[in-house]
Amino acid sequence: MFTFTSTDGVEVHVHVWEPSGEPRGIVQIAHGMGEHAARYAHLAGTLNDHGYVVYASDHRGHGRTMKGDPGTLGVGGWDLLVADMVALSELARERHPGLPLVLVAHSLGSFAAQQYVLDHADLLAGLVLSGTTAVDGLLAQFVASLTENPDADVLALFNEPFVPARTEADWLSRDEAQVDAYVADPWCGFSLDDQAMGELFTAAPRLADPSPVPADLPVYVVVGTADPLNANLTLSDLLVQRYRDAGLTDVTYTTYKEARHEVFNETNRDEVESDLLTWITRVTT
């Protein structure tokens, strides 16, 4: 693990998992909301076994990078979170000159990655968006739900399709052990502060227009069919169509039947990781 200092002075903590030999490529992981990078150790191990060095930072407001209340990103924090991801990419490329870099971004991390590639796609050999969605569509659903019930909890809204639920986090995975680990983790289970959510709302229209993304950037979108972020896949379908309409020529869209939000922690995660590895190998070879 190491740290780097963001432009506003925040110390960003970075996990590093290294393969046994010389790496063949770099994978950067961007985690989701209300969690932290250490939860991706299993995926990192799989990537290490196939020669990839893995970097994953704890976003500002999360994990070891957290300062103050969970989910508080600070003034301008959304754009700074994206800038932190770009900075880590640049550091990883400096550490491993000439090696291809793939960004694997989950949920909130995938929203940040959608913004990242509007300006910095040249850093990447490929982009993976997991547990992702059309952000403007998701936020519109939030607004509709909160209009009906102003006191509703955002994370509780995700769990509604699984009521009666065993826990408040059943929406994450069918794997009860993974859900229980999440519930027991003091660094998990919170949403962004109101200011950060407002900044995400402001960014959403820009994310809806991926026309600045280079046509030759390979993109892999992977979601579960039971992921509540996607309204029966309609929003992930929309996201994929937007990339294709923008002219991207290498967009792969993979869905896993009955899988929920965290496809890398699902009951079929060996299949999910194997499919991901096949795609990463293709775009980095």
Protein backbone atom coordinates (compact mmCIF):
# COMPACT_ATOMS: atom_id res chain seq x y z
CA MET A 1 0.00 0.00 0.00
CA PHE A 2 1.08 3.56 -0.64
CA THR A 3 -0.48 7.03 -0.64
CA PHE A 4 -0.43 10.01 -2.95
CA THR A 5 -1.59 13.54 -2.29
CA SER A 6 -4.55 14.84 -4.26
CA THR A 7 -4.64 18.40 -5.58
CA ASP A 8 -6.63 19.54 -2.53
CA GLY A 9 -4.31 17.86 -0.03
CA VAL A 10 -6.27 14.65 0.60
CA GLU A 11 -4.05 11.61 1.16
CA VAL A 12 -5.39 8.90 -1.13
CA HIS A 13 -4.61 5.34 0.02
CA VAL A 14 -3.83 2.78 -2.67
CA HIS A 15 -3.77 -1.02 -2.44
CA VAL A 16 -1.34 -2.84 -4.71
CA TRP A 17 -1.47 -6.54 -5.58
CA GLU A 18 1.50 -7.80 -7.60
CA PRO A 19 1.94 -10.97 -9.66
CA SER A 20 4.76 -13.38 -8.92
CA GLY A 21 6.69 -12.49 -12.07
CA GLU A 22 7.03 -9.54 -14.38
CA PRO A 23 3.58 -8.08 -15.08
CA ARG A 24 2.03 -8.30 -18.54
CA GLY A 25 -0.37 -5.42 -17.90
CA ILE A 26 -1.98 -3.16 -15.32
CA VAL A 27 -5.52 -3.29 -13.96
CA GLN A 28 -6.86 -0.39 -11.93
CA ILE A 29 -9.99 -1.03 -9.85
CA ALA A 30 -12.40 1.74 -8.85
CA HIS A 31 -14.78 0.57 -6.12
CA GLY A 32 -18.39 1.57 -5.50
CA MET A 33 -20.23 3.76 -3.01
CA GLY A 34 -20.12 2.83 0.65
CA GLU A 35 -17.35 0.24 0.34
CA HIS A 36 -13.57 0.13 -0.12
CA ALA A 37 -10.83 -1.30 -2.29
CA ALA A 38 -9.80 -4.20 -0.04
CA ARG A 39 -13.07 -5.92 -0.92
CA TYR A 40 -11.60 -6.63 -4.38
CA ALA A 41 -8.75 -8.82 -3.12
CA HIS A 42 -10.23 -11.98 -4.65
CA LEU A 43 -10.52 -10.40 -8.08
CA ALA A 44 -7.02 -8.95 -7.72
CA GLY A 45 -5.67 -12.39 -6.88
CA THR A 46 -7.22 -13.86 -10.01
CA LEU A 47 -5.69 -11.10 -12.11
CA ASN A 48 -2.31 -11.59 -10.39
CA ASP A 49 -2.43 -15.30 -11.25
CA HIS A 50 -2.58 -14.31 -14.90
CA GLY A 51 0.21 -11.75 -14.77
CA TYR A 52 -1.55 -8.46 -14.09
CA VAL A 53 -0.47 -5.98 -11.43
CA VAL A 54 -3.50 -4.45 -9.72
CA TYR A 55 -3.94 -0.98 -8.22
CA ALA A 56 -7.05 0.08 -6.29
CA SER A 57 -7.47 3.26 -4.30
CA ASP A 58 -9.96 3.98 -1.55
CA HIS A 59 -11.98 6.89 -2.90
CA ARG A 60 -12.13 10.10 -0.87
CA GLY A 61 -14.82 9.68 1.78
CA HIS A 62 -14.22 5.92 1.82
CA GLY A 63 -11.96 3.36 3.51
CA ARG A 64 -8.50 4.46 4.57
CA THR A 65 -8.85 7.70 2.60
CA MET A 66 -11.89 8.74 4.63
CA LYS A 67 -11.63 12.00 6.57
CA GLY A 68 -14.63 13.01 8.63
CA ASP A 69 -18.02 11.41 8.07
CA PRO A 70 -18.39 8.44 5.69
CA GLY A 71 -19.35 9.46 2.18
CA THR A 72 -18.28 13.10 2.59
CA LEU A 73 -16.24 14.06 -0.47
CA GLY A 74 -15.70 17.76 0.32
CA VAL A 75 -16.24 20.83 -1.84
CA GLY A 76 -15.96 19.87 -5.49
CA GLY A 77 -15.45 16.32 -4.28
CA TRP A 78 -17.07 14.54 -7.20
CA ASP A 79 -14.72 16.04 -9.80
CA LEU A 80 -11.81 15.53 -7.40
CA LEU A 81 -12.72 11.84 -7.00
CA VAL A 82 -12.55 11.46 -10.78
CA ALA A 83 -9.25 13.39 -10.84
CA ASP A 84 -7.86 11.04 -8.18
CA MET A 85 -8.63 8.07 -10.43
CA VAL A 86 -6.84 9.76 -13.32
CA ALA A 87 -3.86 10.55 -11.09
CA LEU A 88 -3.60 6.91 -10.00
CA SER A 89 -3.67 5.80 -13.65
CA GLU A 90 -0.80 8.14 -14.41
CA LEU A 91 1.17 6.86 -11.41
CA ALA A 92 0.60 3.23 -12.40
CA ARG A 93 1.75 3.92 -15.96
CA GLU A 94 4.86 5.69 -14.65
CA ARG A 95 5.66 2.65 -12.48
CA HIS A 96 5.21 0.25 -15.40
CA PRO A 97 6.26 2.06 -18.59
CA GLY A 98 4.84 0.61 -21.77
CA LEU A 99 2.33 -1.74 -20.14
CA PRO A 100 -1.34 -1.50 -21.15
CA LEU A 101 -3.78 -0.29 -18.48
CA VAL A 102 -7.38 -1.42 -18.06
CA LEU A 103 -9.74 0.39 -15.70
CA VAL A 104 -12.27 -1.88 -13.95
CA ALA A 105 -14.87 0.35 -12.32
CA HIS A 106 -17.85 -0.77 -10.24
CA SER A 107 -21.10 1.07 -9.48
CA LEU A 108 -20.23 4.58 -8.23
CA GLY A 109 -16.71 3.95 -9.52
CA SER A 110 -18.23 3.22 -12.92
CA PHE A 111 -20.08 6.55 -12.85
CA ALA A 112 -16.75 8.25 -12.20
CA ALA A 113 -15.17 6.18 -14.98
CA GLN A 114 -17.85 7.35 -17.41
CA GLN A 115 -16.65 10.88 -16.69
CA TYR A 116 -12.96 9.88 -16.70
CA VAL A 117 -13.06 8.60 -20.30
CA LEU A 118 -14.64 11.79 -21.62
CA ASP A 119 -11.27 13.50 -21.10
CA HIS A 120 -8.60 10.88 -20.40
CA ALA A 121 -9.37 7.75 -22.43
CA ASP A 122 -5.89 7.98 -23.94
CA LEU A 123 -4.52 6.50 -20.70
CA LEU A 124 -6.46 3.26 -21.15
CA ALA A 125 -6.29 0.11 -23.24
CA GLY A 126 -9.81 -0.76 -22.12
CA LEU A 127 -12.66 0.17 -19.80
CA VAL A 128 -14.81 -2.20 -17.73
CA LEU A 129 -18.05 -0.93 -16.21
CA SER A 130 -19.67 -3.32 -13.71
CA GLY A 131 -22.85 -2.83 -11.72
CA THR A 132 -23.27 0.23 -13.90
CA THR A 133 -26.19 2.16 -15.34
CA ALA A 134 -27.30 5.27 -17.21
CA VAL A 135 -26.72 7.70 -14.35
CA ASP A 136 -29.30 10.26 -15.42
CA GLY A 137 -31.97 7.55 -15.56
CA LEU A 138 -31.05 6.22 -12.13
CA LEU A 139 -31.13 9.68 -10.59
CA ALA A 140 -34.52 10.33 -12.16
CA GLN A 141 -35.79 7.23 -10.38
CA PHE A 142 -34.36 8.54 -7.11
CA VAL A 143 -36.18 11.83 -7.58
CA ALA A 144 -39.46 10.06 -8.28
CA SER A 145 -39.12 7.83 -5.23
CA LEU A 146 -38.08 10.67 -2.92
CA THR A 147 -40.94 12.82 -4.18
CA GLU A 148 -43.33 10.13 -2.98
CA ASN A 149 -41.39 9.57 0.25
CA PRO A 150 -38.97 12.39 1.17
CA ASP A 151 -37.59 10.41 4.12
CA ALA A 152 -36.70 7.34 2.07
CA ASP A 153 -33.18 5.94 2.37
CA VAL A 154 -31.41 5.61 -0.98
CA LEU A 155 -29.85 2.24 -0.18
CA ALA A 156 -33.17 0.96 1.16
CA LEU A 157 -34.72 1.73 -2.21
CA PHE A 158 -32.31 -0.74 -3.82
CA ASN A 159 -33.40 -3.46 -1.40
CA GLU A 160 -37.13 -3.07 -2.10
CA PRO A 161 -37.24 -5.68 -4.91
CA PHE A 162 -35.98 -8.31 -2.44
CA VAL A 163 -38.50 -7.74 0.36
CA PRO A 164 -38.99 -9.65 2.59
CA ALA A 165 -35.23 -9.35 2.87
CA ARG A 166 -32.84 -11.21 5.15
CA THR A 167 -30.67 -8.07 5.56
CA GLU A 168 -30.65 -4.47 4.35
CA ALA A 169 -28.03 -5.42 1.78
CA ASP A 170 -29.65 -8.38 0.02
CA TRP A 171 -29.62 -6.37 -3.21
CA LEU A 172 -25.86 -6.80 -3.46
CA SER A 173 -25.58 -10.55 -4.03
CA ARG A 174 -27.25 -13.95 -3.77
CA ASP A 175 -24.20 -15.09 -1.78
CA GLU A 176 -25.27 -14.72 1.85
CA ALA A 177 -21.69 -14.90 3.14
CA GLN A 178 -20.70 -11.93 0.99
CA VAL A 179 -23.74 -9.96 2.12
CA ASP A 180 -23.05 -10.74 5.78
CA ALA A 181 -19.41 -9.64 5.40
CA TYR A 182 -20.58 -6.36 3.90
CA VAL A 183 -23.10 -5.75 6.69
CA ALA A 184 -20.45 -6.47 9.34
CA ASP A 185 -17.83 -4.22 7.73
CA PRO A 186 -17.66 -0.80 9.46
CA TRP A 187 -16.39 0.75 6.21
CA CYS A 188 -19.46 -0.37 4.24
CA GLY A 189 -23.11 0.53 3.96
CA PHE A 190 -23.35 4.31 3.56
CA SER A 191 -24.25 6.74 0.79
CA LEU A 192 -22.67 9.98 -0.37
CA ASP A 193 -23.38 13.22 1.47
CA ASP A 194 -25.96 15.62 0.03
CA GLN A 195 -23.35 17.91 -1.53
CA ALA A 196 -21.66 15.06 -3.37
CA MET A 197 -25.01 13.73 -4.59
CA GLY A 198 -25.82 17.20 -5.87
CA GLU A 199 -22.54 17.30 -7.78
CA LEU A 200 -23.30 13.88 -9.28
CA PHE A 201 -26.70 15.21 -10.42
CA THR A 202 -24.88 18.11 -12.07
CA ALA A 203 -22.47 15.74 -13.84
CA ALA A 204 -25.16 13.31 -15.06
CA PRO A 205 -26.14 15.15 -18.27
CA ARG A 206 -22.52 15.16 -19.40
CA LEU A 207 -22.23 11.43 -18.77
CA ALA A 208 -25.29 10.88 -20.97
CA ASP A 209 -23.31 12.08 -24.01
CA PRO A 210 -20.25 9.84 -24.56
CA SER A 211 -19.48 11.34 -27.97
CA PRO A 212 -16.03 12.59 -26.79
CA VAL A 213 -14.92 8.99 -26.06
CA PRO A 214 -12.55 7.68 -28.76
CA ALA A 215 -14.28 5.25 -31.11
CA ASP A 216 -11.55 2.64 -30.69
CA LEU A 217 -11.70 2.40 -26.86
CA PRO A 218 -12.79 -1.15 -25.97
CA VAL A 219 -15.61 -1.09 -23.40
CA TYR A 220 -16.96 -4.06 -21.43
CA VAL A 221 -20.28 -3.57 -19.60
CA VAL A 222 -21.17 -6.34 -17.15
CA VAL A 223 -24.30 -6.42 -14.98
CA GLY A 224 -26.69 -8.81 -13.28
CA THR A 225 -30.23 -9.07 -14.57
CA ALA A 226 -31.53 -8.59 -11.00
CA ASP A 227 -29.43 -5.50 -10.28
CA PRO A 228 -31.90 -2.89 -8.98
CA LEU A 229 -29.80 -0.06 -10.45
CA ASN A 230 -30.96 -1.06 -13.91
CA ALA A 231 -34.76 -1.43 -13.86
CA ASN A 232 -34.78 -4.85 -15.54
CA LEU A 233 -31.75 -3.91 -17.67
CA THR A 234 -33.46 -0.95 -19.32
CA LEU A 235 -30.90 1.53 -18.00
CA SER A 236 -27.83 -0.58 -18.75
CA ASP A 237 -29.32 -1.22 -22.21
CA LEU A 238 -29.57 2.56 -22.60
CA LEU A 239 -25.98 3.08 -21.49
CA VAL A 240 -24.66 0.52 -23.97
CA GLN A 241 -26.75 1.97 -26.79
CA ARG A 242 -25.39 5.43 -26.06
CA TYR A 243 -21.80 4.17 -26.44
CA ARG A 244 -22.65 2.40 -29.66
CA ASP A 245 -24.51 5.44 -31.02
CA ALA A 246 -21.45 7.56 -30.17
CA GLY A 247 -19.49 5.43 -32.63
CA LEU A 248 -17.57 3.11 -30.31
CA THR A 249 -16.70 0.02 -32.32
CA ASP A 250 -15.77 -2.46 -29.56
CA VAL A 251 -18.53 -2.55 -26.94
CA THR A 252 -19.17 -5.88 -25.19
CA TYR A 253 -22.32 -6.23 -23.09
CA THR A 254 -22.55 -9.22 -20.73
CA THR A 255 -25.45 -9.94 -18.39
CA TYR A 256 -25.72 -12.72 -15.81
CA LYS A 257 -29.17 -14.15 -15.18
CA GLU A 258 -30.51 -13.50 -11.66
CA ALA A 259 -27.20 -11.96 -10.51
CA ARG A 260 -27.58 -8.86 -8.36
CA HIS A 261 -25.44 -5.74 -8.03
CA GLU A 262 -21.98 -7.01 -7.08
CA VAL A 263 -21.22 -9.41 -9.90
CA PHE A 264 -17.67 -9.95 -8.59
CA ASN A 265 -19.13 -11.18 -5.27
CA GLU A 266 -21.92 -13.29 -6.75
CA THR A 267 -22.52 -17.03 -6.45
CA ASN A 268 -21.10 -17.41 -9.99
CA ARG A 269 -18.13 -15.09 -9.49
CA ASP A 270 -15.66 -17.64 -10.88
CA GLU A 271 -17.54 -17.45 -14.20
CA VAL A 272 -17.69 -13.65 -14.00
CA GLU A 273 -13.96 -13.37 -13.30
CA SER A 274 -13.10 -15.86 -16.06
CA ASP A 275 -15.13 -13.92 -18.63
CA LEU A 276 -13.53 -10.67 -17.49
CA LEU A 277 -10.05 -12.14 -17.72
CA THR A 278 -10.73 -13.35 -21.27
CA TRP A 279 -11.79 -9.84 -22.28
CA ILE A 280 -8.85 -8.12 -20.54
CA THR A 281 -6.40 -10.55 -22.16
CA ARG A 282 -7.84 -9.71 -25.58
CA VAL A 283 -7.55 -5.95 -25.22
CA THR A 284 -4.07 -6.02 -23.66
CA THR A 285 -2.43 -8.49 -26.03
